[in-house]
PDB file of N, CA and C in Angstrom:
ATOM      1  N   MET A   1       0.848  -1.177   0.000  1.00  0.00           N
ATOM      2  CA  MET A   1       0.000   0.000   0.000  1.00  0.00           C
ATOM      3  C   MET A   1       0.892   1.237   0.000  1.00  0.00           C
ATOM      4  N   LYS A   2       0.523   2.205  -0.804  1.00  0.00           N
ATOM      5  CA  LYS A   2       1.284   3.449  -0.900  1.00  0.00           C
ATOM      6  C   LYS A   2       0.418   4.622  -0.481  1.00  0.00           C
ATOM      7  N   CYS A   3       1.051   5.631   0.106  1.00  0.00           N
ATOM      8  CA  CYS A   3       0.364   6.816   0.591  1.00  0.00           C
ATOM      9  C   CYS A   3       1.261   8.019   0.312  1.00  0.00           C
ATOM     10  N   HIS A   4       0.861   8.844  -0.651  1.00  0.00           N
ATOM     11  CA  HIS A   4       1.615  10.036  -1.022  1.00  0.00           C
ATOM     12  C   HIS A   4       0.699  11.244  -0.864  1.00  0.00           C
ATOM     13  N   HIS A   5       1.310  12.404  -0.693  1.00  0.00           N
ATOM     14  CA  HIS A   5       0.477  13.601  -0.583  1.00  0.00           C
ATOM     15  C   HIS A   5       1.075  14.771  -1.352  1.00  0.00           C
ATOM     16  N   GLU A   6       0.192  15.741  -1.568  1.00  0.00           N
ATOM     17  CA  GLU A   6       0.559  16.982  -2.239  1.00  0.00           C
ATOM     18  C   GLU A   6      -0.228  18.094  -1.556  1.00  0.00           C
ATOM     19  N   ASP A   7       0.438  19.175  -1.213  1.00  0.00           N
ATOM     20  CA  ASP A   7      -0.230  20.341  -0.645  1.00  0.00           C
ATOM     21  C   ASP A   7      -0.386  21.386  -1.739  1.00  0.00           C
ATOM     22  N   THR A   8      -1.603  21.854  -1.936  1.00  0.00           N
ATOM     23  CA  THR A   8      -1.871  22.826  -2.989  1.00  0.00           C
ATOM     24  C   THR A   8      -1.799  24.245  -2.421  1.00  0.00           C
ATOM     25  N   ALA A   9      -1.666  25.215  -3.304  1.00  0.00           N
ATOM     26  CA  ALA A   9      -1.547  26.614  -2.899  1.00  0.00           C
ATOM     27  C   ALA A   9      -2.794  27.117  -2.170  1.00  0.00           C
ATOM     28  N   ASP A  10      -3.939  26.495  -2.431  1.00  0.00           N
ATOM     29  CA  ASP A  10      -5.180  26.955  -1.791  1.00  0.00           C
ATOM     30  C   ASP A  10      -5.477  26.230  -0.475  1.00  0.00           C
ATOM     31  N   GLY A  11      -4.493  25.537   0.081  1.00  0.00           N
ATOM     32  CA  GLY A  11      -4.658  24.938   1.397  1.00  0.00           C
ATOM     33  C   GLY A  11      -5.277  23.561   1.428  1.00  0.00           C
ATOM     34  N   VAL A  12      -5.426  22.938   0.277  1.00  0.00           N
ATOM     35  CA  VAL A  12      -5.987  21.588   0.223  1.00  0.00           C
ATOM     36  C   VAL A  12      -4.834  20.587   0.192  1.00  0.00           C
ATOM     37  N   ARG A  13      -4.920  19.582   1.032  1.00  0.00           N
ATOM     38  CA  ARG A  13      -3.950  18.487   0.981  1.00  0.00           C
ATOM     39  C   ARG A  13      -4.601  17.329   0.243  1.00  0.00           C
ATOM     40  N   ILE A  14      -3.954  16.879  -0.802  1.00  0.00           N
ATOM     41  CA  ILE A  14      -4.433  15.731  -1.566  1.00  0.00           C
ATOM     42  C   ILE A  14      -3.597  14.527  -1.153  1.00  0.00           C
ATOM     43  N   ILE A  15      -4.277  13.500  -0.652  1.00  0.00           N
ATOM     44  CA  ILE A  15      -3.610  12.267  -0.250  1.00  0.00           C
ATOM     45  C   ILE A  15      -3.989  11.200  -1.266  1.00  0.00           C
ATOM     46  N   ARG A  16      -2.980  10.652  -1.914  1.00  0.00           N
ATOM     47  CA  ARG A  16      -3.212   9.617  -2.923  1.00  0.00           C
ATOM     48  C   ARG A  16      -2.851   8.255  -2.348  1.00  0.00           C
ATOM     49  N   LEU A  17      -3.826   7.364  -2.340  1.00  0.00           N
ATOM     50  CA  LEU A  17      -3.611   6.011  -1.848  1.00  0.00           C
ATOM     51  C   LEU A  17      -3.567   5.049  -3.022  1.00  0.00           C
ATOM     52  N   ALA A  18      -2.741   4.018  -2.920  1.00  0.00           N
ATOM     53  CA  ALA A  18      -2.654   3.020  -3.987  1.00  0.00           C
ATOM     54  C   ALA A  18      -2.361   1.655  -3.380  1.00  0.00           C
ATOM     55  N   GLY A  19      -3.032   0.646  -3.909  1.00  0.00           N
ATOM     56  CA  GLY A  19      -2.834  -0.724  -3.449  1.00  0.00           C
ATOM     57  C   GLY A  19      -4.103  -1.296  -2.851  1.00  0.00           C
ATOM     58  N   ARG A  20      -3.919  -2.303  -2.017  1.00  0.00           N
ATOM     59  CA  ARG A  20      -5.046  -2.976  -1.360  1.00  0.00           C
ATOM     60  C   ARG A  20      -5.134  -2.492   0.079  1.00  0.00           C
ATOM     61  N   MET A  21      -6.252  -1.885   0.423  1.00  0.00           N
ATOM     62  CA  MET A  21      -6.453  -1.395   1.778  1.00  0.00           C
ATOM     63  C   MET A  21      -7.129  -2.497   2.599  1.00  0.00           C
ATOM     64  N   ASP A  22      -6.462  -3.652   2.630  1.00  0.00           N
ATOM     65  CA  ASP A  22      -6.901  -4.779   3.449  1.00  0.00           C
ATOM     66  C   ASP A  22      -6.156  -4.680   4.782  1.00  0.00           C
ATOM     67  N   ILE A  23      -6.126  -5.734   5.571  1.00  0.00           N
ATOM     68  CA  ILE A  23      -5.468  -5.677   6.881  1.00  0.00           C
ATOM     69  C   ILE A  23      -4.002  -5.269   6.738  1.00  0.00           C
ATOM     70  N   ALA A  24      -3.274  -5.959   5.883  1.00  0.00           N
ATOM     71  CA  ALA A  24      -1.845  -5.666   5.716  1.00  0.00           C
ATOM     72  C   ALA A  24      -1.618  -4.274   5.131  1.00  0.00           C
ATOM     73  N   GLY A  25      -2.366  -3.922   4.113  1.00  0.00           N
ATOM     74  CA  GLY A  25      -2.221  -2.616   3.477  1.00  0.00           C
ATOM     75  C   GLY A  25      -2.569  -1.477   4.410  1.00  0.00           C
ATOM     76  N   ASN A  26      -3.653  -1.649   5.163  1.00  0.00           N
ATOM     77  CA  ASN A  26      -4.051  -0.614   6.107  1.00  0.00           C
ATOM     78  C   ASN A  26      -2.982  -0.434   7.181  1.00  0.00           C
ATOM     79  N   ASP A  27      -2.435  -1.549   7.666  1.00  0.00           N
ATOM     80  CA  ASP A  27      -1.372  -1.469   8.676  1.00  0.00           C
ATOM     81  C   ASP A  27      -0.159  -0.689   8.149  1.00  0.00           C
ATOM     82  N   GLU A  28       0.136  -0.832   6.867  1.00  0.00           N
ATOM     83  CA  GLU A  28       1.279  -0.143   6.258  1.00  0.00           C
ATOM     84  C   GLU A  28       1.120   1.367   6.249  1.00  0.00           C
ATOM     85  N   ILE A  29      -0.093   1.853   6.060  1.00  0.00           N
ATOM     86  CA  ILE A  29      -0.267   3.294   5.846  1.00  0.00           C
ATOM     87  C   ILE A  29      -1.084   4.011   6.923  1.00  0.00           C
ATOM     88  N   ALA A  30      -1.703   3.318   7.844  1.00  0.00           N
ATOM     89  CA  ALA A  30      -2.634   3.950   8.794  1.00  0.00           C
ATOM     90  C   ALA A  30      -2.003   5.099   9.573  1.00  0.00           C
ATOM     91  N   MET A  31      -0.827   4.889  10.135  1.00  0.00           N
ATOM     92  CA  MET A  31      -0.200   5.962  10.923  1.00  0.00           C
ATOM     93  C   MET A  31       0.179   7.149  10.045  1.00  0.00           C
ATOM     94  N   ARG A  32       0.735   6.881   8.883  1.00  0.00           N
ATOM     95  CA  ARG A  32       1.107   7.974   7.976  1.00  0.00           C
ATOM     96  C   ARG A  32      -0.137   8.718   7.500  1.00  0.00           C
ATOM     97  N   PHE A  33      -1.175   7.975   7.134  1.00  0.00           N
ATOM     98  CA  PHE A  33      -2.420   8.587   6.670  1.00  0.00           C
ATOM     99  C   PHE A  33      -2.999   9.496   7.752  1.00  0.00           C
ATOM    100  N   THR A  34      -3.064   9.001   8.979  1.00  0.00           N
ATOM    101  CA  THR A  34      -3.608   9.794  10.079  1.00  0.00           C
ATOM    102  C   THR A  34      -2.767  11.043  10.309  1.00  0.00           C
ATOM    103  N   ALA A  35      -1.452  10.895  10.299  1.00  0.00           N
ATOM    104  CA  ALA A  35      -0.570  12.050  10.475  1.00  0.00           C
ATOM    105  C   ALA A  35      -0.767  13.074   9.358  1.00  0.00           C
ATOM    106  N   LEU A  36      -0.935  12.610   8.136  1.00  0.00           N
ATOM    107  CA  LEU A  36      -1.147  13.526   7.008  1.00  0.00           C
ATOM    108  C   LEU A  36      -2.479  14.255   7.115  1.00  0.00           C
ATOM    109  N   THR A  37      -3.503  13.595   7.618  1.00  0.00           N
ATOM    110  CA  THR A  37      -4.793  14.279   7.756  1.00  0.00           C
ATOM    111  C   THR A  37      -4.748  15.301   8.881  1.00  0.00           C
ATOM    112  N   VAL A  38      -4.098  14.960   9.986  1.00  0.00           N
ATOM    113  CA  VAL A  38      -4.027  15.868  11.135  1.00  0.00           C
ATOM    114  C   VAL A  38      -3.182  17.100  10.813  1.00  0.00           C
ATOM    115  N   SER A  39      -2.088  16.908  10.099  1.00  0.00           N
ATOM    116  CA  SER A  39      -1.162  18.011   9.830  1.00  0.00           C
ATOM    117  C   SER A  39      -1.467  18.753   8.535  1.00  0.00           C
ATOM    118  N   GLY A  40      -2.514  18.336   7.838  1.00  0.00           N
ATOM    119  CA  GLY A  40      -2.832  18.936   6.544  1.00  0.00           C
ATOM    120  C   GLY A  40      -3.443  20.308   6.655  1.00  0.00           C
ATOM    121  N   GLY A  41      -3.809  20.856   5.526  1.00  0.00           N
ATOM    122  CA  GLY A  41      -4.408  22.180   5.469  1.00  0.00           C
ATOM    123  C   GLY A  41      -5.837  22.181   5.975  1.00  0.00           C
ATOM    124  N   SER A  42      -6.594  23.148   5.509  1.00  0.00           N
ATOM    125  CA  SER A  42      -7.971  23.303   5.968  1.00  0.00           C
ATOM    126  C   SER A  42      -8.883  22.213   5.422  1.00  0.00           C
ATOM    127  N   ALA A  43      -8.447  21.526   4.391  1.00  0.00           N
ATOM    128  CA  ALA A  43      -9.269  20.488   3.775  1.00  0.00           C
ATOM    129  C   ALA A  43      -8.383  19.387   3.220  1.00  0.00           C
ATOM    130  N   ILE A  44      -8.947  18.178   3.231  1.00  0.00           N
ATOM    131  CA  ILE A  44      -8.236  16.998   2.749  1.00  0.00           C
ATOM    132  C   ILE A  44      -9.072  16.328   1.665  1.00  0.00           C
ATOM    133  N   VAL A  45      -8.428  15.980   0.565  1.00  0.00           N
ATOM    134  CA  VAL A  45      -9.057  15.154  -0.462  1.00  0.00           C
ATOM    135  C   VAL A  45      -8.267  13.860  -0.527  1.00  0.00           C
ATOM    136  N   VAL A  46      -8.977  12.742  -0.403  1.00  0.00           N
ATOM    137  CA  VAL A  46      -8.334  11.436  -0.488  1.00  0.00           C
ATOM    138  C   VAL A  46      -8.669  10.839  -1.855  1.00  0.00           C
ATOM    139  N   ASP A  47      -7.638  10.675  -2.667  1.00  0.00           N
ATOM    140  CA  ASP A  47      -7.783  10.120  -4.012  1.00  0.00           C
ATOM    141  C   ASP A  47      -7.640   8.598  -3.919  1.00  0.00           C
ATOM    142  N   LEU A  48      -8.728   7.906  -4.180  1.00  0.00           N
ATOM    143  CA  LEU A  48      -8.770   6.444  -4.084  1.00  0.00           C
ATOM    144  C   LEU A  48      -8.612   5.756  -5.442  1.00  0.00           C
ATOM    145  N   SER A  49      -8.241   6.498  -6.474  1.00  0.00           N
ATOM    146  CA  SER A  49      -8.188   5.914  -7.817  1.00  0.00           C
ATOM    147  C   SER A  49      -7.172   4.779  -7.935  1.00  0.00           C
ATOM    148  N   GLY A  50      -6.173   4.748  -7.070  1.00  0.00           N
ATOM    149  CA  GLY A  50      -5.182   3.684  -7.107  1.00  0.00           C
ATOM    150  C   GLY A  50      -5.474   2.530  -6.164  1.00  0.00           C
ATOM    151  N   VAL A  51      -6.605   2.584  -5.475  1.00  0.00           N
ATOM    152  CA  VAL A  51      -6.960   1.535  -4.511  1.00  0.00           C
ATOM    153  C   VAL A  51      -7.763   0.451  -5.227  1.00  0.00           C
ATOM    154  N   ASP A  52      -7.267  -0.786  -5.157  1.00  0.00           N
ATOM    155  CA  ASP A  52      -7.925  -1.924  -5.811  1.00  0.00           C
ATOM    156  C   ASP A  52      -8.989  -2.566  -4.943  1.00  0.00           C
ATOM    157  N   PHE A  53      -8.811  -2.460  -3.617  1.00  0.00           N
ATOM    158  CA  PHE A  53      -9.709  -3.118  -2.662  1.00  0.00           C
ATOM    159  C   PHE A  53      -9.673  -2.325  -1.366  1.00  0.00           C
ATOM    160  N   ILE A  54     -10.824  -2.201  -0.715  1.00  0.00           N
ATOM    161  CA  ILE A  54     -10.866  -1.572   0.599  1.00  0.00           C
ATOM    162  C   ILE A  54     -11.721  -2.430   1.518  1.00  0.00           C
ATOM    163  N   GLY A  55     -11.156  -2.797   2.651  1.00  0.00           N
ATOM    164  CA  GLY A  55     -11.863  -3.594   3.641  1.00  0.00           C
ATOM    165  C   GLY A  55     -12.351  -2.724   4.784  1.00  0.00           C
ATOM    166  N   SER A  56     -12.933  -3.371   5.775  1.00  0.00           N
ATOM    167  CA  SER A  56     -13.522  -2.626   6.893  1.00  0.00           C
ATOM    168  C   SER A  56     -12.481  -1.821   7.674  1.00  0.00           C
ATOM    169  N   LEU A  57     -11.274  -2.335   7.824  1.00  0.00           N
ATOM    170  CA  LEU A  57     -10.238  -1.570   8.531  1.00  0.00           C
ATOM    171  C   LEU A  57      -9.866  -0.307   7.756  1.00  0.00           C
ATOM    172  N   GLY A  58      -9.757  -0.416   6.455  1.00  0.00           N
ATOM    173  CA  GLY A  58      -9.458   0.752   5.630  1.00  0.00           C
ATOM    174  C   GLY A  58     -10.563   1.789   5.700  1.00  0.00           C
ATOM    175  N   ILE A  59     -11.796   1.328   5.632  1.00  0.00           N
ATOM    176  CA  ILE A  59     -12.931   2.239   5.748  1.00  0.00           C
ATOM    177  C   ILE A  59     -12.913   2.906   7.125  1.00  0.00           C
ATOM    178  N   GLY A  60     -12.627   2.121   8.154  1.00  0.00           N
ATOM    179  CA  GLY A  60     -12.557   2.665   9.506  1.00  0.00           C
ATOM    180  C   GLY A  60     -11.493   3.736   9.654  1.00  0.00           C
ATOM    181  N   THR A  61     -10.348   3.542   9.028  1.00  0.00           N
ATOM    182  CA  THR A  61      -9.274   4.525   9.076  1.00  0.00           C
ATOM    183  C   THR A  61      -9.719   5.843   8.448  1.00  0.00           C
ATOM    184  N   ILE A  62     -10.394   5.758   7.318  1.00  0.00           N
ATOM    185  CA  ILE A  62     -10.873   6.963   6.630  1.00  0.00           C
ATOM    186  C   ILE A  62     -11.962   7.653   7.446  1.00  0.00           C
ATOM    187  N   VAL A  63     -12.901   6.890   7.980  1.00  0.00           N
ATOM    188  CA  VAL A  63     -13.993   7.467   8.781  1.00  0.00           C
ATOM    189  C   VAL A  63     -13.437   8.152  10.032  1.00  0.00           C
ATOM    190  N   ALA A  64     -12.484   7.519  10.702  1.00  0.00           N
ATOM    191  CA  ALA A  64     -11.889   8.124  11.902  1.00  0.00           C
ATOM    192  C   ALA A  64     -11.231   9.463  11.561  1.00  0.00           C
ATOM    193  N   ALA A  65     -10.533   9.516  10.444  1.00  0.00           N
ATOM    194  CA  ALA A  65      -9.890  10.767  10.024  1.00  0.00           C
ATOM    195  C   ALA A  65     -10.938  11.836   9.718  1.00  0.00           C
ATOM    196  N   ALA A  66     -11.993  11.457   9.018  1.00  0.00           N
ATOM    197  CA  ALA A  66     -13.041  12.419   8.671  1.00  0.00           C
ATOM    198  C   ALA A  66     -13.720  12.970   9.923  1.00  0.00           C
ATOM    199  N   ARG A  67     -13.996  12.113  10.880  1.00  0.00           N
ATOM    200  CA  ARG A  67     -14.633  12.563  12.132  1.00  0.00           C
ATOM    201  C   ARG A  67     -13.711  13.495  12.912  1.00  0.00           C
ATOM    202  N   SER A  68     -12.446  13.151  12.983  1.00  0.00           N
ATOM    203  CA  SER A  68     -11.475  13.984  13.680  1.00  0.00           C
ATOM    204  C   SER A  68     -11.382  15.368  13.036  1.00  0.00           C
ATOM    205  N   LEU A  69     -11.351  15.398  11.723  1.00  0.00           N
ATOM    206  CA  LEU A  69     -11.291  16.669  11.009  1.00  0.00           C
ATOM    207  C   LEU A  69     -12.552  17.488  11.234  1.00  0.00           C
ATOM    208  N   LYS A  70     -13.691  16.840  11.209  1.00  0.00           N
ATOM    209  CA  LYS A  70     -14.963  17.549  11.401  1.00  0.00           C
ATOM    210  C   LYS A  70     -15.009  18.231  12.765  1.00  0.00           C
ATOM    211  N   LEU A  71     -14.476  17.577  13.788  1.00  0.00           N
ATOM    212  CA  LEU A  71     -14.429  18.175  15.127  1.00  0.00           C
ATOM    213  C   LEU A  71     -13.607  19.459  15.140  1.00  0.00           C
ATOM    214  N   ARG A  72     -12.645  19.551  14.233  1.00  0.00           N
ATOM    215  CA  ARG A  72     -11.785  20.731  14.132  1.00  0.00           C
ATOM    216  C   ARG A  72     -12.251  21.689  13.039  1.00  0.00           C
ATOM    217  N   LYS A  73     -13.494  21.503  12.596  1.00  0.00           N
ATOM    218  CA  LYS A  73     -14.091  22.368  11.553  1.00  0.00           C
ATOM    219  C   LYS A  73     -13.309  22.314  10.249  1.00  0.00           C
ATOM    220  N   ARG A  74     -12.758  21.141   9.955  1.00  0.00           N
ATOM    221  CA  ARG A  74     -12.066  20.905   8.689  1.00  0.00           C
ATOM    222  C   ARG A  74     -12.828  19.826   7.945  1.00  0.00           C
ATOM    223  N   MET A  75     -12.502  19.619   6.691  1.00  0.00           N
ATOM    224  CA  MET A  75     -13.307  18.726   5.866  1.00  0.00           C
ATOM    225  C   MET A  75     -12.457  17.731   5.098  1.00  0.00           C
ATOM    226  N   LEU A  76     -13.025  16.539   4.894  1.00  0.00           N
ATOM    227  CA  LEU A  76     -12.396  15.492   4.101  1.00  0.00           C
ATOM    228  C   LEU A  76     -13.398  15.033   3.051  1.00  0.00           C
ATOM    229  N   ALA A  77     -12.917  14.841   1.833  1.00  0.00           N
ATOM    230  CA  ALA A  77     -13.741  14.293   0.758  1.00  0.00           C
ATOM    231  C   ALA A  77     -12.951  13.185   0.063  1.00  0.00           C
ATOM    232  N   LEU A  78     -13.673  12.252  -0.506  1.00  0.00           N
ATOM    233  CA  LEU A  78     -13.079  11.132  -1.240  1.00  0.00           C
ATOM    234  C   LEU A  78     -13.318  11.319  -2.728  1.00  0.00           C
ATOM    235  N   CYS A  79     -12.413  10.804  -3.539  1.00  0.00           N
ATOM    236  CA  CYS A  79     -12.638  10.858  -4.985  1.00  0.00           C
ATOM    237  C   CYS A  79     -11.955   9.687  -5.679  1.00  0.00           C
ATOM    238  N   GLY A  80     -12.415   9.428  -6.891  1.00  0.00           N
ATOM    239  CA  GLY A  80     -11.746   8.498  -7.791  1.00  0.00           C
ATOM    240  C   GLY A  80     -11.905   7.023  -7.518  1.00  0.00           C
ATOM    241  N   ALA A  81     -12.790   6.641  -6.629  1.00  0.00           N
ATOM    242  CA  ALA A  81     -12.942   5.221  -6.307  1.00  0.00           C
ATOM    243  C   ALA A  81     -13.420   4.443  -7.528  1.00  0.00           C
ATOM    244  N   GLY A  82     -12.757   3.320  -7.795  1.00  0.00           N
ATOM    245  CA  GLY A  82     -13.173   2.422  -8.863  1.00  0.00           C
ATOM    246  C   GLY A  82     -14.403   1.634  -8.445  1.00  0.00           C
ATOM    247  N   PRO A  83     -14.928   0.790  -9.331  1.00  0.00           N
ATOM    248  CA  PRO A  83     -16.167   0.067  -9.060  1.00  0.00           C
ATOM    249  C   PRO A  83     -16.151  -0.780  -7.778  1.00  0.00           C
ATOM    250  N   THR A  84     -15.081  -1.519  -7.541  1.00  0.00           N
ATOM    251  CA  THR A  84     -15.013  -2.379  -6.357  1.00  0.00           C
ATOM    252  C   THR A  84     -15.005  -1.556  -5.076  1.00  0.00           C
ATOM    253  N   VAL A  85     -14.200  -0.511  -5.058  1.00  0.00           N
ATOM    254  CA  VAL A  85     -14.107   0.345  -3.881  1.00  0.00           C
ATOM    255  C   VAL A  85     -15.413   1.131  -3.696  1.00  0.00           C
ATOM    256  N   SER A  86     -15.986   1.636  -4.785  1.00  0.00           N
ATOM    257  CA  SER A  86     -17.262   2.363  -4.706  1.00  0.00           C
ATOM    258  C   SER A  86     -18.357   1.491  -4.109  1.00  0.00           C
ATOM    259  N   THR A  87     -18.394   0.230  -4.517  1.00  0.00           N
ATOM    260  CA  THR A  87     -19.397  -0.693  -3.989  1.00  0.00           C
ATOM    261  C   THR A  87     -19.214  -0.889  -2.488  1.00  0.00           C
ATOM    262  N   ALA A  88     -17.969  -1.065  -2.049  1.00  0.00           N
ATOM    263  CA  ALA A  88     -17.696  -1.235  -0.612  1.00  0.00           C
ATOM    264  C   ALA A  88     -18.091   0.013   0.171  1.00  0.00           C
ATOM    265  N   LEU A  89     -17.795   1.183  -0.371  1.00  0.00           N
ATOM    266  CA  LEU A  89     -18.170   2.425   0.305  1.00  0.00           C
ATOM    267  C   LEU A  89     -19.690   2.576   0.374  1.00  0.00           C
ATOM    268  N   ALA A  90     -20.364   2.254  -0.717  1.00  0.00           N
ATOM    269  CA  ALA A  90     -21.826   2.369  -0.747  1.00  0.00           C
ATOM    270  C   ALA A  90     -22.491   1.386   0.213  1.00  0.00           C
ATOM    271  N   ARG A  91     -21.980   0.181   0.283  1.00  0.00           N
ATOM    272  CA  ARG A  91     -22.567  -0.839   1.177  1.00  0.00           C
ATOM    273  C   ARG A  91     -22.441  -0.456   2.642  1.00  0.00           C
ATOM    274  N   THR A  92     -21.440   0.340   2.964  1.00  0.00           N
ATOM    275  CA  THR A  92     -21.261   0.779   4.349  1.00  0.00           C
ATOM    276  C   THR A  92     -21.774   2.204   4.559  1.00  0.00           C
ATOM    277  N   ASP A  93     -22.468   2.728   3.568  1.00  0.00           N
ATOM    278  CA  ASP A  93     -23.125   4.041   3.621  1.00  0.00           C
ATOM    279  C   ASP A  93     -22.155   5.207   3.848  1.00  0.00           C
ATOM    280  N   ILE A  94     -20.928   5.057   3.407  1.00  0.00           N
ATOM    281  CA  ILE A  94     -19.927   6.108   3.571  1.00  0.00           C
ATOM    282  C   ILE A  94     -20.320   7.404   2.852  1.00  0.00           C
ATOM    283  N   PRO A  95     -20.889   7.357   1.643  1.00  0.00           N
ATOM    284  CA  PRO A  95     -21.244   8.622   0.993  1.00  0.00           C
ATOM    285  C   PRO A  95     -22.241   9.475   1.791  1.00  0.00           C
ATOM    286  N   ALA A  96     -22.946   8.878   2.740  1.00  0.00           N
ATOM    287  CA  ALA A  96     -23.873   9.639   3.580  1.00  0.00           C
ATOM    288  C   ALA A  96     -23.132  10.460   4.643  1.00  0.00           C
ATOM    289  N   ILE A  97     -21.892  10.061   4.966  1.00  0.00           N
ATOM    290  CA  ILE A  97     -21.165  10.788   6.009  1.00  0.00           C
ATOM    291  C   ILE A  97     -19.898  11.479   5.515  1.00  0.00           C
ATOM    292  N   ILE A  98     -19.379  11.045   4.379  1.00  0.00           N
ATOM    293  CA  ILE A  98     -18.185  11.655   3.795  1.00  0.00           C
ATOM    294  C   ILE A  98     -18.494  11.958   2.328  1.00  0.00           C
ATOM    295  N   PRO A  99     -18.316  13.225   1.905  1.00  0.00           N
ATOM    296  CA  PRO A  99     -18.535  13.523   0.492  1.00  0.00           C
ATOM    297  C   PRO A  99     -17.678  12.611  -0.386  1.00  0.00           C
ATOM    298  N   THR A 100     -18.317  11.975  -1.356  1.00  0.00           N
ATOM    299  CA  THR A 100     -17.651  11.018  -2.234  1.00  0.00           C
ATOM    300  C   THR A 100     -17.909  11.434  -3.676  1.00  0.00           C
ATOM    301  N   CYS A 101     -16.847  11.737  -4.401  1.00  0.00           N
ATOM    302  CA  CYS A 101     -16.953  12.290  -5.747  1.00  0.00           C
ATOM    303  C   CYS A 101     -16.267  11.383  -6.762  1.00  0.00           C
ATOM    304  N   SER A 102     -16.648  11.548  -7.999  1.00  0.00           N
ATOM    305  CA  SER A 102     -16.019  10.791  -9.078  1.00  0.00           C
ATOM    306  C   SER A 102     -14.635  11.321  -9.420  1.00  0.00           C
ATOM    307  N   THR A 103     -14.502  12.648  -9.399  1.00  0.00           N
ATOM    308  CA  THR A 103     -13.247  13.249  -9.842  1.00  0.00           C
ATOM    309  C   THR A 103     -12.594  14.095  -8.761  1.00  0.00           C
ATOM    310  N   LEU A 104     -11.318  14.320  -8.939  1.00  0.00           N
ATOM    311  CA  LEU A 104     -10.565  15.181  -8.039  1.00  0.00           C
ATOM    312  C   LEU A 104     -11.121  16.602  -8.075  1.00  0.00           C
ATOM    313  N   ALA A 105     -11.459  17.093  -9.250  1.00  0.00           N
ATOM    314  CA  ALA A 105     -11.994  18.451  -9.376  1.00  0.00           C
ATOM    315  C   ALA A 105     -13.289  18.615  -8.572  1.00  0.00           C
ATOM    316  N   GLU A 106     -14.175  17.616  -8.633  1.00  0.00           N
ATOM    317  CA  GLU A 106     -15.422  17.673  -7.853  1.00  0.00           C
ATOM    318  C   GLU A 106     -15.130  17.695  -6.359  1.00  0.00           C
ATOM    319  N   ALA A 107     -14.209  16.855  -5.922  1.00  0.00           N
ATOM    320  CA  ALA A 107     -13.867  16.803  -4.505  1.00  0.00           C
ATOM    321  C   ALA A 107     -13.248  18.120  -4.043  1.00  0.00           C
ATOM    322  N   ARG A 108     -12.386  18.686  -4.840  1.00  0.00           N
ATOM    323  CA  ARG A 108     -11.774  19.980  -4.480  1.00  0.00           C
ATOM    324  C   ARG A 108     -12.821  21.063  -4.386  1.00  0.00           C
ATOM    325  N   ALA A 109     -13.803  21.048  -5.276  1.00  0.00           N
ATOM    326  CA  ALA A 109     -14.878  22.046  -5.212  1.00  0.00           C
ATOM    327  C   ALA A 109     -15.692  21.898  -3.934  1.00  0.00           C
ATOM    328  N   ILE A 110     -15.945  20.667  -3.518  1.00  0.00           N
ATOM    329  CA  ILE A 110     -16.716  20.432  -2.298  1.00  0.00           C
ATOM    330  C   ILE A 110     -15.964  20.895  -1.056  1.00  0.00           C
ATOM    331  N   VAL A 111     -14.682  20.577  -0.955  1.00  0.00           N
ATOM    332  CA  VAL A 111     -13.940  20.978   0.245  1.00  0.00           C
ATOM    333  C   VAL A 111     -13.642  22.479   0.270  1.00  0.00           C
ATOM    334  N   ALA A 112     -13.730  23.129  -0.882  1.00  0.00           N
ATOM    335  CA  ALA A 112     -13.539  24.579  -0.935  1.00  0.00           C
ATOM    336  C   ALA A 112     -14.752  25.314  -0.401  1.00  0.00           C
ATOM    337  N   THR A 113     -15.894  24.652  -0.373  1.00  0.00           N
ATOM    338  CA  THR A 113     -17.127  25.238   0.136  1.00  0.00           C
ATOM    339  C   THR A 113     -17.167  25.052   1.641  1.00  0.00           C
ATOM    340  N   PRO A 114     -17.377  26.131   2.396  1.00  0.00           N
ATOM    341  CA  PRO A 114     -17.416  25.990   3.861  1.00  0.00           C
ATOM    342  C   PRO A 114     -18.471  24.973   4.312  1.00  0.00           C
ATOM    343  N   ALA A 115     -18.094  24.162   5.304  1.00  0.00           N
ATOM    344  CA  ALA A 115     -19.016  23.146   5.848  1.00  0.00           C
ATOM    345  C   ALA A 115     -20.166  23.810   6.580  1.00  0.00           C
ATOM    346  N   LYS A 116     -21.342  23.193   6.482  1.00  0.00           N
ATOM    347  CA  LYS A 116     -22.533  23.684   7.180  1.00  0.00           C
ATOM    348  C   LYS A 116     -22.802  22.769   8.358  1.00  0.00           C
ATOM    349  N   ASP A 117     -22.953  23.353   9.537  1.00  0.00           N
ATOM    350  CA  ASP A 117     -23.256  22.551  10.732  1.00  0.00           C
ATOM    351  C   ASP A 117     -24.666  22.746  11.187  1.00  0.00           C
TER     352      ASP A 117
END
């Protein structure tokens, strides 16, 4: 599992994940992913286009980060999930709690909009 990031000029941190977010994959990146979300800008976009599979631990890692950010009035959005990952996210109702977009541009537009509480 790979976890890379890019900080944009407008304060958005883009985290790109690649590989299988199963038990082993999640263990490889969980601490780095959490550190990147905590230390990131005002908004985080997680690009899942390189993720082939996501299990419950991977989903849990993303949900925990999103909840932590929300408590700090920051936002996380997901983008680029392929069919297998999209199905797993939909089955666990993730799009109801974390904005989930098809493209990076859509996700960036969502996190640029102030959150409503």
